[in-house]
Protein backbone atom coordinates (compact mmCIF):
# COMPACT_ATOMS: atom_id res chain seq x y z
CA MET A 1 8.64 4.57 -29.67
CA ARG A 2 11.61 6.83 -28.77
CA LEU A 3 11.19 8.84 -25.84
CA PRO A 4 12.68 12.08 -25.31
CA THR A 5 16.39 11.79 -24.15
CA LEU A 6 16.59 13.22 -20.49
CA PRO A 7 18.97 15.81 -19.10
CA PRO A 8 21.53 14.95 -17.12
CA ILE A 9 20.29 13.54 -14.17
CA LEU A 10 21.53 13.86 -10.66
CA PRO A 11 24.31 12.29 -9.04
CA LEU A 12 23.67 9.41 -6.33
CA VAL A 13 21.90 11.04 -2.94
CA LEU A 14 22.28 7.96 -0.68
CA VAL A 15 25.67 8.40 -0.01
CA SER A 16 25.79 11.60 0.89
CA PHE A 17 22.86 12.61 3.47
CA VAL A 18 25.37 15.39 4.75
CA LEU A 19 22.35 18.51 5.43
CA LEU A 20 22.49 19.31 8.81
CA LEU A 21 19.37 20.55 10.21
CA THR A 22 21.04 22.89 12.62
CA GLY A 23 21.89 24.85 9.17
CA CYS A 24 18.07 25.19 8.25
CA THR A 25 16.72 29.13 8.32
CA GLN A 26 13.58 29.91 10.40
CA GLN A 27 10.27 30.25 7.85
CA SER A 28 7.08 30.56 8.78
CA VAL A 29 3.77 29.22 6.68
CA GLU A 30 1.67 31.77 5.57
CA VAL A 31 -1.57 29.74 4.18
CA GLU A 32 -4.57 32.33 3.02
CA SER A 33 -6.62 29.31 2.86
CA PRO A 34 -6.18 25.48 3.39
CA PRO A 35 -4.17 23.84 0.68
CA ASN A 36 -5.60 21.28 -1.68
CA VAL A 37 -4.15 18.04 -0.78
CA ILE A 38 -3.04 15.00 -3.57
CA ILE A 39 -1.03 12.16 -2.92
CA VAL A 40 0.20 10.03 -5.12
CA ILE A 41 1.78 6.46 -4.48
CA THR A 42 2.70 3.77 -6.84
CA ASP A 43 2.92 -0.03 -5.99
CA ASP A 44 5.85 -1.81 -6.08
CA GLN A 45 8.25 0.58 -7.52
CA GLY A 46 11.45 0.83 -6.33
CA HIS A 47 13.97 4.26 -5.27
CA GLY A 48 15.85 3.52 -7.99
CA ASP A 49 12.56 3.47 -10.32
CA PHE A 50 13.83 7.49 -11.75
CA GLY A 51 15.61 9.25 -13.59
CA PHE A 52 16.13 11.64 -10.72
CA TYR A 53 18.11 9.04 -8.63
CA GLY A 54 20.17 7.64 -11.59
CA ASN A 55 18.70 5.17 -13.14
CA PRO A 56 19.77 5.74 -17.05
CA VAL A 57 17.34 3.54 -18.67
CA LEU A 58 13.67 4.50 -17.51
CA GLN A 59 12.33 7.92 -18.59
CA THR A 60 10.56 9.46 -15.95
CA PRO A 61 11.01 13.58 -16.71
CA HIS A 62 7.62 14.32 -14.73
CA LEU A 63 8.57 12.84 -11.78
CA ASP A 64 12.17 13.97 -12.17
CA GLU A 65 11.05 17.78 -12.50
CA MET A 66 8.55 17.32 -9.61
CA ALA A 67 11.69 16.07 -7.53
CA ARG A 68 13.43 18.70 -8.81
CA ASN A 69 10.83 21.19 -7.74
CA SER A 70 9.61 19.65 -4.57
CA ALA A 71 11.02 19.56 -1.01
CA ARG A 72 12.68 16.34 -0.66
CA LEU A 73 12.67 14.18 2.53
CA GLU A 74 15.79 11.67 1.49
CA ASN A 75 15.40 9.45 4.77
CA TYR A 76 11.82 8.54 4.69
CA TYR A 77 10.67 5.01 5.16
CA VAL A 78 7.58 3.00 4.56
CA SER A 79 6.64 -1.25 5.45
CA PRO A 80 8.06 -3.62 2.99
CA VAL A 81 4.67 -4.57 2.18
CA CYS A 82 1.51 -2.79 0.71
CA ALA A 83 -1.61 -2.92 3.28
CA PRO A 84 0.95 -2.31 6.51
CA THR A 85 2.09 1.21 4.25
CA ARG A 86 -1.19 1.92 3.56
CA ALA A 87 -2.78 1.75 7.01
CA ALA A 88 -0.22 3.83 8.35
CA LEU A 89 -0.55 6.17 5.64
CA MET A 90 -4.43 6.55 6.21
CA THR A 91 -4.11 6.80 10.40
CA GLY A 92 -1.02 8.51 11.36
CA ARG A 93 -0.26 5.08 13.62
CA TYR A 94 1.68 2.05 12.96
CA ASN A 95 -0.29 -0.76 10.96
CA TYR A 96 -0.13 -2.99 14.00
CA ARG A 97 -2.11 -0.81 16.03
CA THR A 98 -5.00 -1.27 13.09
CA ARG A 99 -5.26 -4.69 13.22
CA VAL A 100 -3.59 -4.97 9.33
CA VAL A 101 -0.92 -7.36 10.17
CA ASP A 102 -0.14 -8.72 6.54
CA THR A 103 -1.91 -8.23 2.60
CA TYR A 104 -4.25 -11.15 2.20
CA LEU A 105 -6.37 -13.82 4.00
CA GLY A 106 -7.86 -11.27 6.27
CA ARG A 107 -5.05 -9.63 7.46
CA ALA A 108 -5.48 -6.66 5.41
CA MET A 109 -8.83 -5.40 6.76
CA MET A 110 -8.48 -2.53 8.92
CA ALA A 111 -10.23 -1.82 11.83
CA PRO A 112 -13.47 0.01 11.02
CA GLU A 113 -12.86 2.54 14.39
CA GLU A 114 -9.88 3.71 12.79
CA ILE A 115 -10.10 7.27 11.91
CA THR A 116 -8.43 7.95 8.61
CA LEU A 117 -7.06 11.34 6.94
CA ALA A 118 -10.13 11.20 4.63
CA GLU A 119 -12.37 11.33 7.64
CA ARG A 120 -10.08 13.70 9.22
CA LEU A 121 -9.72 15.98 6.10
CA ARG A 122 -14.12 16.07 5.43
CA ASP A 123 -14.72 16.90 8.75
CA GLN A 124 -12.54 20.09 8.14
CA GLY A 125 -15.11 21.00 5.15
CA TYR A 126 -12.53 19.16 2.79
CA LYS A 127 -13.94 17.15 -0.31
CA THR A 128 -12.58 13.31 -0.56
CA GLY A 129 -12.10 11.37 -3.22
CA ILE A 130 -9.91 7.84 -4.13
CA PHE A 131 -8.78 6.50 -7.47
CA GLY A 132 -7.13 3.20 -7.46
CA LYS A 133 -5.56 1.00 -4.73
CA TRP A 134 -7.25 1.01 -0.95
CA HIS A 135 -6.14 -2.50 -0.01
CA LEU A 136 -7.84 -2.07 3.36
CA GLY A 137 -11.22 -4.25 3.01
CA ASP A 138 -13.11 -4.68 0.22
CA SER A 139 -16.61 -5.04 2.56
CA TYR A 140 -18.56 -2.59 4.81
CA PRO A 141 -17.48 -1.30 7.20
CA MET A 142 -14.05 -1.43 5.69
CA ARG A 143 -14.67 0.28 2.19
CA PRO A 144 -12.87 3.42 1.35
CA MET A 145 -17.06 4.91 1.02
CA ASP A 146 -17.05 3.76 4.78
CA GLN A 147 -14.02 5.23 5.92
CA GLY A 148 -14.19 9.34 5.12
CA PHE A 149 -13.81 9.16 1.33
CA GLU A 150 -16.87 10.83 -0.72
CA GLU A 151 -15.83 9.76 -4.17
CA SER A 152 -14.69 6.35 -4.40
CA LEU A 153 -13.12 4.65 -7.32
CA VAL A 154 -11.17 1.43 -6.73
CA HIS A 155 -10.13 -2.13 -7.50
CA ARG A 156 -10.66 -4.86 -5.06
CA GLY A 157 -8.11 -6.65 -2.84
CA GLY A 158 -4.27 -5.97 -3.14
CA GLY A 159 -4.72 -5.53 -7.17
CA ILE A 160 -6.15 -6.34 -10.39
CA GLY A 161 -5.41 -10.18 -11.24
CA GLN A 162 -6.10 -11.35 -7.75
CA PRO A 163 -9.07 -13.69 -6.76
CA SER A 164 -11.36 -10.72 -5.64
CA ASP A 165 -11.56 -9.42 -9.19
CA PRO A 166 -15.21 -9.04 -10.21
CA THR A 167 -16.59 -12.06 -12.22
CA GLY A 168 -15.63 -11.96 -15.96
CA ALA A 169 -13.12 -9.11 -15.49
CA GLU A 170 -9.96 -11.00 -14.16
CA GLY A 171 -7.12 -9.57 -14.63
CA LYS A 172 -8.27 -6.65 -17.00
CA TYR A 173 -5.68 -3.55 -16.48
CA THR A 174 -7.55 -2.71 -19.54
CA ASP A 175 -10.94 -2.15 -19.82
CA PRO A 176 -11.28 -3.05 -16.19
CA THR A 177 -14.56 -3.15 -14.08
CA LEU A 178 -13.99 -1.21 -11.00
CA ILE A 179 -15.93 -0.35 -7.95
CA HIS A 180 -17.86 2.81 -8.35
CA ASN A 181 -19.24 4.26 -4.78
CA GLY A 182 -20.44 0.60 -4.22
CA GLU A 183 -21.06 -0.41 -7.53
CA LEU A 184 -19.50 -2.48 -10.34
CA LYS A 185 -18.86 -0.20 -13.21
CA GLU A 186 -16.89 -1.26 -16.52
CA MET A 187 -14.37 1.39 -17.69
CA GLU A 188 -12.58 1.61 -21.12
CA GLY A 189 -9.05 2.10 -21.11
CA TYR A 190 -5.51 1.30 -19.15
CA CYS A 191 -6.22 1.11 -15.31
CA THR A 192 -4.07 3.91 -14.67
CA ASP A 193 -5.07 6.51 -17.26
CA ILE A 194 -8.29 6.22 -15.89
CA TYR A 195 -7.59 6.60 -12.04
CA PHE A 196 -6.06 9.71 -12.90
CA SER A 197 -8.48 10.50 -15.75
CA GLU A 198 -11.10 10.43 -12.88
CA ALA A 199 -9.08 12.28 -10.21
CA LEU A 200 -8.73 15.21 -12.29
CA GLN A 201 -12.18 15.22 -13.72
CA TRP A 202 -13.15 15.22 -10.12
CA ILE A 203 -10.85 17.60 -9.29
CA GLU A 204 -12.13 20.03 -12.44
CA ASP A 205 -15.56 19.26 -10.89
CA THR A 206 -15.27 20.11 -6.87
CA HIS A 207 -11.93 22.61 -6.80
CA GLN A 208 -14.13 25.64 -6.59
CA GLU A 209 -16.16 24.19 -3.78
CA ALA A 210 -14.36 23.49 -1.40
CA PRO A 211 -10.27 22.24 -0.63
CA PHE A 212 -10.04 18.88 -1.70
CA PHE A 213 -8.43 15.28 -0.31
CA ALA A 214 -7.58 13.43 -4.00
CA TYR A 215 -5.62 10.02 -3.14
CA ILE A 216 -4.63 8.33 -6.03
CA PRO A 217 -2.91 5.00 -5.63
CA THR A 218 -2.40 3.19 -8.50
CA ASN A 219 -1.67 -0.67 -8.82
CA ALA A 220 0.89 -0.44 -11.49
CA PRO A 221 4.12 -1.35 -11.38
CA HIS A 222 2.16 -4.21 -9.47
CA GLY A 223 2.12 -7.67 -11.02
CA PRO A 224 0.47 -9.64 -13.53
CA TYR A 225 2.58 -8.09 -16.12
CA HIS A 226 0.71 -9.48 -18.98
CA ASP A 227 -1.29 -6.40 -19.72
CA VAL A 228 1.23 -2.96 -19.92
CA PRO A 229 0.86 0.11 -22.23
CA ASP A 230 2.05 -1.55 -25.59
CA SER A 231 4.12 1.11 -27.13
CA LEU A 232 5.97 1.90 -24.23
CA TYR A 233 6.55 -1.71 -23.56
CA GLN A 234 7.81 -1.38 -27.27
CA TYR A 235 10.16 1.09 -26.71
CA TYR A 236 11.87 -0.97 -23.04
CA LYS A 237 11.78 -4.15 -25.26
CA SER A 238 13.77 -2.81 -27.79
CA LEU A 239 16.49 -1.84 -25.20
CA ASP A 240 19.03 -4.03 -24.22
CA LEU A 241 17.67 -4.36 -20.50
CA ASN A 242 20.94 -6.23 -18.85
CA HIS A 243 22.27 -5.16 -15.82
CA GLY A 244 25.51 -4.08 -17.78
CA LEU A 245 23.42 -1.03 -18.66
CA PHE A 246 23.06 0.12 -14.73
CA PRO A 247 25.35 1.92 -12.34
CA GLU A 248 27.65 -0.87 -11.17
CA ASP A 249 26.55 -2.26 -7.74
CA THR A 250 29.86 -3.31 -6.27
CA ASN A 251 28.01 -3.35 -2.72
CA HIS A 252 25.51 -5.77 -3.40
CA PRO A 253 25.48 -7.35 -6.73
CA PHE A 254 23.21 -8.78 -8.79
CA THR A 255 23.12 -12.43 -8.86
CA ASN A 256 21.08 -13.50 -11.01
CA GLU A 257 20.09 -13.07 -14.57
CA MET A 258 17.73 -10.16 -15.10
CA ASN A 259 14.19 -10.93 -16.97
CA ALA A 260 14.47 -8.29 -19.48
CA ASP A 261 11.10 -8.87 -20.63
CA ARG A 262 9.56 -8.32 -17.30
CA VAL A 263 11.80 -5.42 -16.94
CA ALA A 264 10.32 -3.91 -20.11
CA ARG A 265 6.85 -4.50 -18.79
CA ILE A 266 7.16 -3.03 -15.41
CA PHE A 267 9.20 0.56 -17.13
CA ALA A 268 6.21 0.89 -19.34
CA MET A 269 4.19 0.67 -16.75
CA ILE A 270 6.44 3.15 -14.37
CA THR A 271 6.71 5.35 -17.57
CA ASN A 272 3.15 5.29 -17.83
CA VAL A 273 2.99 6.40 -14.48
CA ASP A 274 4.81 9.51 -15.20
CA GLU A 275 2.85 10.50 -18.07
CA ASN A 276 -0.26 10.88 -16.00
CA VAL A 277 1.74 12.79 -13.19
CA GLY A 278 2.33 15.31 -16.43
CA ARG A 279 -1.22 15.69 -17.10
CA LEU A 280 -2.00 16.04 -13.23
CA PHE A 281 0.29 19.18 -13.10
CA THR A 282 -1.21 20.20 -16.37
CA LYS A 283 -4.74 20.49 -14.86
CA LEU A 284 -3.60 21.86 -11.77
CA GLU A 285 -1.84 24.78 -14.06
CA GLU A 286 -5.12 24.80 -16.12
CA LEU A 287 -7.27 25.39 -13.07
CA ASP A 288 -5.19 27.93 -11.92
CA ILE A 289 -4.29 25.51 -8.33
CA THR A 290 -0.89 24.83 -8.29
CA ASP A 291 0.18 27.10 -5.73
CA ASN A 292 -2.34 26.22 -3.06
CA THR A 293 -2.12 22.62 -4.00
CA LEU A 294 -0.03 20.26 -1.79
CA VAL A 295 1.38 16.73 -3.79
CA LEU A 296 3.13 14.55 -2.20
CA PHE A 297 4.79 11.12 -4.24
CA MET A 298 5.92 8.41 -2.24
CA LEU A 299 6.00 4.74 -2.81
CA ASP A 300 4.51 1.76 -1.06
CA ASN A 301 7.32 -0.71 -0.72
CA GLY A 302 10.25 -1.73 -2.64
CA PRO A 303 10.61 -3.11 -6.14
CA ASN A 304 8.74 -6.10 -7.40
CA THR A 305 12.32 -7.53 -9.06
CA ARG A 306 15.83 -7.34 -8.34
CA ARG A 307 16.80 -4.39 -10.38
CA PHE A 308 18.64 -1.05 -9.80
CA VAL A 309 17.86 0.48 -6.65
CA ASN A 310 20.93 3.27 -6.04
CA GLY A 311 23.01 0.19 -4.78
CA MET A 312 20.81 -0.49 -1.65
CA ARG A 313 20.34 -3.87 -0.37
CA GLY A 314 16.72 -5.96 -1.01
CA MET A 315 13.72 -5.23 -2.49
CA LYS A 316 10.30 -5.32 -1.99
CA THR A 317 9.51 -7.83 1.18
CA SER A 318 13.20 -6.79 2.41
CA VAL A 319 13.89 -4.71 5.65
CA TYR A 320 17.08 -3.67 4.23
CA GLU A 321 16.89 -0.18 2.54
CA GLY A 322 15.88 -1.47 -0.58
CA GLY A 323 12.68 -2.96 0.79
CA VAL A 324 11.96 -0.08 2.76
CA HIS A 325 13.36 3.52 1.95
CA SER A 326 11.06 5.69 -0.67
CA PRO A 327 11.44 8.99 -2.15
CA LEU A 328 8.79 11.59 -0.58
CA PHE A 329 8.14 14.48 -3.09
CA ALA A 330 6.57 17.61 -1.46
CA HIS A 331 5.49 19.78 -4.19
CA TRP A 332 3.74 23.21 -2.69
CA PRO A 333 5.07 26.33 -4.70
CA GLY A 334 5.28 29.23 -2.25
CA THR A 335 5.72 27.63 0.20
CA LEU A 336 8.33 24.70 0.20
CA ALA A 337 11.58 25.49 -0.99
CA PRO A 338 12.89 23.18 -3.65
CA GLY A 339 15.99 21.05 -2.85
CA VAL A 340 16.76 18.46 0.39
CA ALA A 341 14.69 20.10 3.08
CA SER A 342 16.16 17.77 5.73
CA ASP A 343 18.28 14.03 6.60
CA ARG A 344 16.37 13.52 9.43
CA ILE A 345 14.04 10.53 9.29
CA SER A 346 10.68 9.99 8.90
CA ALA A 347 8.05 7.52 7.96
CA HIS A 348 4.18 6.49 6.76
CA ILE A 349 3.19 6.99 9.81
CA ASP A 350 4.11 10.97 9.36
CA ILE A 351 2.07 11.72 6.48
CA THR A 352 -1.52 12.11 7.99
CA PRO A 353 0.00 14.32 10.89
CA THR A 354 1.75 16.60 8.35
CA LEU A 355 -1.18 17.22 6.46
CA LEU A 356 -3.18 17.87 8.84
CA ASP A 357 -0.67 20.05 10.09
CA ALA A 358 -0.76 21.77 6.78
CA ALA A 359 -4.86 22.29 6.65
CA GLY A 360 -4.39 23.66 10.06
CA VAL A 361 -5.55 21.22 12.38
CA ASP A 362 -3.96 20.82 16.00
CA THR A 363 -2.29 17.71 15.52
CA GLU A 364 -0.32 17.83 18.88
CA SER A 365 -4.23 17.34 20.48
CA ILE A 366 -4.48 13.96 19.10
CA SER A 367 -2.73 12.00 21.35
CA GLU A 368 -3.46 8.35 19.23
CA PHE A 369 -0.69 9.14 16.46
CA ASP A 370 2.18 7.38 16.36
CA GLY A 371 3.39 9.93 13.74
CA VAL A 372 4.50 13.41 13.74
CA SER A 373 3.98 16.74 11.57
CA LEU A 374 7.23 16.70 9.13
CA LEU A 375 5.85 20.56 8.09
CA PRO A 376 8.46 22.05 9.95
CA LEU A 377 11.35 20.15 8.28
CA LEU A 378 9.54 20.63 4.78
CA THR A 379 9.77 24.29 5.30
CA ARG A 380 12.91 24.48 7.06
CA SER A 381 11.17 26.31 9.75
CA ALA A 382 12.55 23.96 12.81
CA SER A 383 15.81 25.16 14.60
CA GLU A 384 15.51 21.56 16.28
CA TRP A 385 14.31 18.55 16.19
CA PRO A 386 13.71 15.68 18.79
CA GLU A 387 15.98 12.22 18.49
CA ARG A 388 13.56 9.84 17.54
CA ASN A 389 12.94 5.94 16.54
CA LEU A 390 11.10 4.40 13.80
CA PHE A 391 10.40 0.68 14.21
CA ILE A 392 9.09 -1.40 10.65
CA GLN A 393 7.95 -4.70 11.20
CA THR A 394 5.79 -7.07 8.60
CA HIS A 395 5.62 -10.79 7.69
CA ARG A 396 3.26 -13.38 7.04
CA GLY A 397 0.64 -14.54 9.64
CA ASP A 398 -1.94 -13.89 11.63
CA VAL A 399 -0.04 -12.33 15.04
CA PRO A 400 2.97 -10.60 14.91
CA VAL A 401 6.30 -12.41 16.16
CA ARG A 402 8.25 -10.69 18.80
CA TYR A 403 12.02 -9.76 16.66
CA HIS A 404 10.41 -11.62 13.08
CA HIS A 405 11.61 -9.72 10.05
CA PHE A 406 11.53 -5.90 12.04
CA PHE A 407 13.95 -2.93 11.43
CA ALA A 408 14.58 -0.05 14.31
CA ARG A 409 15.67 3.08 13.39
CA SER A 410 17.39 6.18 14.66
CA GLN A 411 18.95 8.82 13.14
CA ASN A 412 22.76 7.40 13.02
CA TRP A 413 21.55 3.65 13.51
CA LYS A 414 19.74 0.59 12.46
CA VAL A 415 18.83 -2.62 13.94
CA VAL A 416 18.01 -4.98 11.20
CA HIS A 417 16.67 -8.64 11.90
CA GLN A 418 16.06 -10.11 8.35
CA SER A 419 14.24 -13.71 9.12
CA GLY A 420 11.78 -13.37 6.39
CA PHE A 421 8.80 -12.55 4.86
CA GLY A 422 7.21 -15.03 4.15
CA PRO A 423 7.07 -17.48 7.16
CA GLU A 424 4.86 -16.80 10.14
CA THR A 425 7.73 -17.14 12.64
CA PHE A 426 11.68 -17.95 12.66
CA GLU A 427 13.72 -20.39 13.96
CA GLY A 428 16.31 -19.65 17.11
CA ALA A 429 17.66 -17.03 18.35
CA PRO A 430 17.64 -13.57 16.50
CA GLN A 431 20.47 -12.81 14.55
CA PHE A 432 20.60 -8.94 15.01
CA GLU A 433 22.32 -6.62 12.32
CA LEU A 434 23.57 -3.07 13.25
CA TYR A 435 24.14 -0.72 10.98
CA ASN A 436 25.74 2.66 11.31
CA MET A 437 23.88 4.48 8.67
CA GLU A 438 25.81 7.78 8.89
CA THR A 439 28.48 6.42 7.43
CA ASP A 440 27.45 3.12 6.05
CA PRO A 441 23.85 3.95 4.20
CA LEU A 442 23.86 1.42 1.91
CA GLU A 443 24.19 -1.40 4.69
CA THR A 444 27.87 -2.82 3.87
CA THR A 445 29.25 -3.66 7.35
CA ASN A 446 27.45 -5.47 10.45
CA VAL A 447 29.16 -3.49 13.32
CA ALA A 448 27.02 -5.70 16.08
CA ASP A 449 30.11 -6.69 17.87
CA GLN A 450 31.68 -3.58 17.50
CA PHE A 451 28.81 -1.47 19.31
CA PRO A 452 27.02 -4.05 21.64
CA ASP A 453 25.72 -1.29 24.09
CA THR A 454 24.12 0.63 20.94
CA LEU A 455 22.81 -2.41 19.64
CA GLN A 456 20.93 -3.48 22.93
CA ALA A 457 19.65 0.00 23.32
CA LEU A 458 18.06 0.03 20.27
CA VAL A 459 16.44 -4.06 20.89
CA ASP A 460 15.19 -2.50 24.34
CA ALA A 461 13.59 0.13 22.35
CA TYR A 462 11.95 -2.06 20.03
CA ASP A 463 10.82 -4.33 22.75
CA ALA A 464 9.43 -1.37 24.15
CA TRP A 465 7.28 -0.84 20.97
CA PHE A 466 6.17 -4.20 20.57
CA ASP A 467 4.90 -4.34 23.81
CA ASP A 468 2.90 -0.79 23.39
CA VAL A 469 1.54 -1.62 19.97
CA SER A 470 0.79 -5.17 20.68
CA ALA A 471 -1.51 -4.17 23.56
CA THR A 472 -3.68 -1.28 21.73
CA ARG A 473 -7.00 -2.92 22.15
CA GLU A 474 -8.37 -6.08 23.88
CA ASN A 475 -7.63 -8.91 21.26
CA ASN A 476 -5.56 -6.58 19.30
CA TYR A 477 -4.68 -8.90 16.27
CA ASP A 478 -8.44 -10.60 15.77
CA PRO A 479 -9.13 -9.39 12.17
CA PRO A 480 -12.27 -7.56 12.02
CA ARG A 481 -15.47 -9.01 11.01
CA ILE A 482 -17.13 -8.22 7.61
CA VAL A 483 -20.69 -6.71 8.12
CA VAL A 484 -23.50 -8.15 6.66
CA ASP A 485 -26.14 -5.25 6.57
CA PRO A 486 -28.28 -4.48 3.78
CA ALA A 487 -29.20 -1.22 4.90
CA HIS A 488 -25.35 -0.12 4.10
CA GLU A 489 -24.02 -2.63 1.91
CA PRO A 490 -26.96 -4.76 -0.42
CA THR A 491 -25.06 -7.73 -1.54
CA THR A 492 -21.87 -8.33 0.57
CA VAL A 493 -19.08 -10.06 -2.03
CA LEU A 494 -16.76 -12.37 0.00
CA THR A 495 -13.74 -13.50 -1.97
CA ARG A 496 -10.43 -15.12 -0.88
CA GLN A 497 -8.93 -12.28 -0.16
CA ASP A 498 -10.33 -11.96 3.23
CA TRP A 499 -11.37 -15.37 4.11
CA ARG A 500 -9.89 -17.46 6.97
CA TYR A 501 -7.83 -20.73 6.79
CA PRO A 502 -7.46 -23.50 9.17
CA GLY A 503 -4.09 -23.89 9.48
CA THR A 504 -4.18 -27.68 10.19
CA HIS A 505 -4.67 -28.90 7.01
CA GLY A 506 -2.01 -26.67 4.99
CA ARG A 507 -3.94 -25.46 2.20
CA GLY A 508 -5.08 -22.06 2.85
CA GLY A 509 -4.18 -19.15 0.73
CA TRP A 510 -5.54 -18.61 -3.02
CA ALA A 511 -4.33 -22.21 -4.78
CA ARG A 512 -7.54 -23.51 -6.73
CA ASP A 513 -7.93 -26.42 -3.97
CA ALA A 514 -7.53 -23.94 -1.23
CA LEU A 515 -10.05 -24.40 1.56
CA GLY A 516 -11.59 -21.25 4.02
CA TYR A 517 -14.20 -19.49 5.69
CA TRP A 518 -15.03 -16.10 6.30
CA LEU A 519 -15.97 -14.50 9.92
CA ILE A 520 -19.19 -12.30 9.42
CA GLN A 521 -20.99 -9.87 11.85
CA VAL A 522 -24.90 -10.11 10.83
CA ASP A 523 -26.26 -6.77 11.79
CA GLN A 524 -29.66 -7.44 10.55
CA PRO A 525 -31.28 -11.11 11.18
CA GLY A 526 -33.20 -12.49 8.20
CA THR A 527 -33.92 -14.81 5.21
CA TYR A 528 -30.52 -14.24 2.50
CA THR A 529 -30.30 -15.71 -0.80
CA VAL A 530 -26.31 -16.93 -0.86
CA ASP A 531 -24.78 -17.12 -4.64
CA TRP A 532 -21.53 -19.02 -4.99
CA ARG A 533 -18.91 -18.67 -8.19
CA PHE A 534 -16.63 -21.26 -8.60
CA TYR A 535 -14.48 -23.18 -11.13
CA ALA A 536 -16.31 -25.79 -13.21
CA GLU A 537 -15.43 -29.44 -13.05
CA ASP A 538 -16.63 -32.17 -15.90
CA THR A 539 -18.22 -34.57 -12.94
CA ALA A 540 -20.88 -33.98 -10.85
CA GLY A 541 -20.51 -32.95 -7.20
CA THR A 542 -21.54 -31.42 -4.03
CA ALA A 543 -21.75 -27.80 -2.80
CA THR A 544 -21.89 -27.86 1.32
CA LEU A 545 -22.77 -24.03 3.04
CA LYS A 546 -22.39 -24.36 6.65
CA VAL A 547 -23.37 -21.34 8.93
CA ASN A 548 -21.81 -21.65 12.24
CA GLY A 549 -21.21 -25.47 11.60
CA THR A 550 -24.82 -25.98 10.49
CA PRO A 551 -24.75 -27.47 7.12
CA TYR A 552 -27.01 -26.91 3.90
CA SER A 553 -25.87 -29.31 1.13
CA ALA A 554 -27.02 -29.54 -2.69
CA ASP A 555 -26.07 -31.67 -5.75
CA LEU A 556 -24.04 -29.77 -8.29
CA ALA A 557 -24.08 -31.04 -12.19
CA PRO A 558 -21.26 -31.61 -14.21
CA GLY A 559 -19.92 -28.15 -15.46
CA ASP A 560 -22.05 -26.36 -13.27
CA SER A 561 -19.75 -22.76 -12.21
CA THR A 562 -22.52 -21.22 -9.82
CA TYR A 563 -25.03 -22.14 -7.69
CA SER A 564 -27.84 -20.35 -5.24
CA PHE A 565 -29.17 -21.06 -1.76
CA GLU A 566 -32.20 -19.79 -1.92
CA ALA A 567 -33.13 -19.10 1.70
CA ILE A 568 -30.77 -19.17 4.32
CA GLU A 569 -31.52 -17.81 7.78
CA LEU A 570 -28.86 -15.61 9.33
CA PRO A 571 -28.84 -14.98 12.74
CA ALA A 572 -27.72 -11.53 14.46
CA GLY A 573 -24.24 -11.66 15.97
CA PRO A 574 -21.12 -13.25 14.37
CA ILE A 575 -21.02 -15.90 11.94
CA THR A 576 -18.76 -18.06 10.36
CA ILE A 577 -19.12 -19.18 7.05
CA GLU A 578 -17.82 -21.83 5.23
CA ALA A 579 -18.23 -22.95 1.72
CA GLU A 580 -17.10 -26.33 0.49
CA LEU A 581 -17.03 -28.07 -3.19
CA THR A 582 -16.36 -31.86 -3.13
CA HIS A 583 -15.60 -33.53 -6.62
CA ARG A 584 -14.83 -37.04 -7.01
CA GLY A 585 -13.71 -36.94 -3.27
CA ASN A 586 -11.94 -33.79 -2.92
CA THR A 587 -12.86 -30.89 -1.37
CA LYS A 588 -11.83 -27.34 -1.85
CA GLY A 589 -13.42 -23.56 -1.16
CA ILE A 590 -15.32 -21.91 -3.87
CA HIS A 591 -13.98 -18.62 -5.82
CA GLN A 592 -16.70 -15.83 -4.44
CA MET A 593 -19.70 -15.90 -2.56
CA ASP A 594 -22.38 -12.81 -2.53
CA ILE A 595 -24.60 -12.49 0.30
CA ALA A 596 -28.06 -10.74 -0.55
CA SER A 597 -31.50 -9.95 1.72
CA LEU A 598 -34.45 -11.55 0.34
């Protein structure tokens, strides 16, 4: 399938952030009624994955048009991986205040006492809906339907194709089984198409009743890559996708061979998102609500492979620019003028205050926000803007480690400690890097030795920030507990997405032989059925359920893949649940567990 040739693209803008805020003219924002709000955020797309930003291969005509017609903030930051970005986006707070510190093993569950953008807009009379990826908790009281979304159509966990997939629908991007308002629902079509179709129908059904907030977070182009829109894949597969097709990166050159087939699949997923963005704007026009609908588009982190990223350094998981620098398009005709609105730094923590401000909420009175409203920048009505620092830190593990894998950014300077997303800590003394982002936005020259005072000032600011976010609450980094309460969730599903693991044996995670346990809170004590799902073995085995250490054991026949403990007494309060399978003397965890009241 050959896509239409795009008009000439805009030149690379990263090396010319020269728009001066002091040159902005005053502009008042007059809105007759609160705007509808739409957020579209993609998963693992990169800054270079747009024709608008210089990609000569990838076809994104609708996103390019949106970029041209939007107010844009070109110094906008997110976290290097997805769940932390989503926690900050939904709360206006740094993710370390929300108990979200990682992307799995129970560390992507957001504290239920956090107040989300959906809750705040709902309380202002908005209709609220989510369509796609939540990744902040799959069970009560952390589901999107518990956190302010009246309409919810989502997948579990961090993506389709992970251990949280419903049984029988594992890895199904096409015809997936999703969670609709708490209930499993078999869907027809490609997942991204479904999210937009359901969102557009919901918008059509609700837009005349009240202003709406539609959150459309796609899991594309996140892997796995086995199931992508075929006609688009065939188009990209027909191209010679090698590094030579892209502008030469002399600052951070590619050192690996490009996996052309994988990139073709990723590009197909991104173009499919683009087509759906086109459908979204067509629907807004049909309903005659374009002018009073504020649509934001952004990314959750950098690209999921090392590919063209506008000369930036790094990719997903990196705290260099390629892992954390996202476009921010704000489309609101008649209110926001197209073009670069400001060069001031901003981040995911600013989205909730900005959208509440647009909806007429006094955000200055909400003291718990770390972010600020960007509306004065987007409208070019700010004659002055205070200096600020931004901090991003994310790595694997239970508890943040001071200086581990972070950056601190002022308007002109950036301190980086790229110690690696994967390890839970780092060895030795931190090796700080300092970049002058005004003259070196692509991070080519470390000037830490030349400007020790500037470096120390930003490190000191980071220290104060780290101390502050770590002291948000008592036991700030303890993971939230899943609550078993049949009145709110008749069946609690426990998966490896949210289990914990004893670190002594080194067998945590998602591997087939991994072990783990779940931390739950039983609000309604009583007798429960506990159903297990696991991978079959060709020998007999033993199933052992432990409730606060008390074991319940049963024999398994060869080929068993399920087992039900029919009458288990669960007392009220905090409980640790363990599930172990033993075959041929080897012990491992189960796949999923359902807890339902008798």
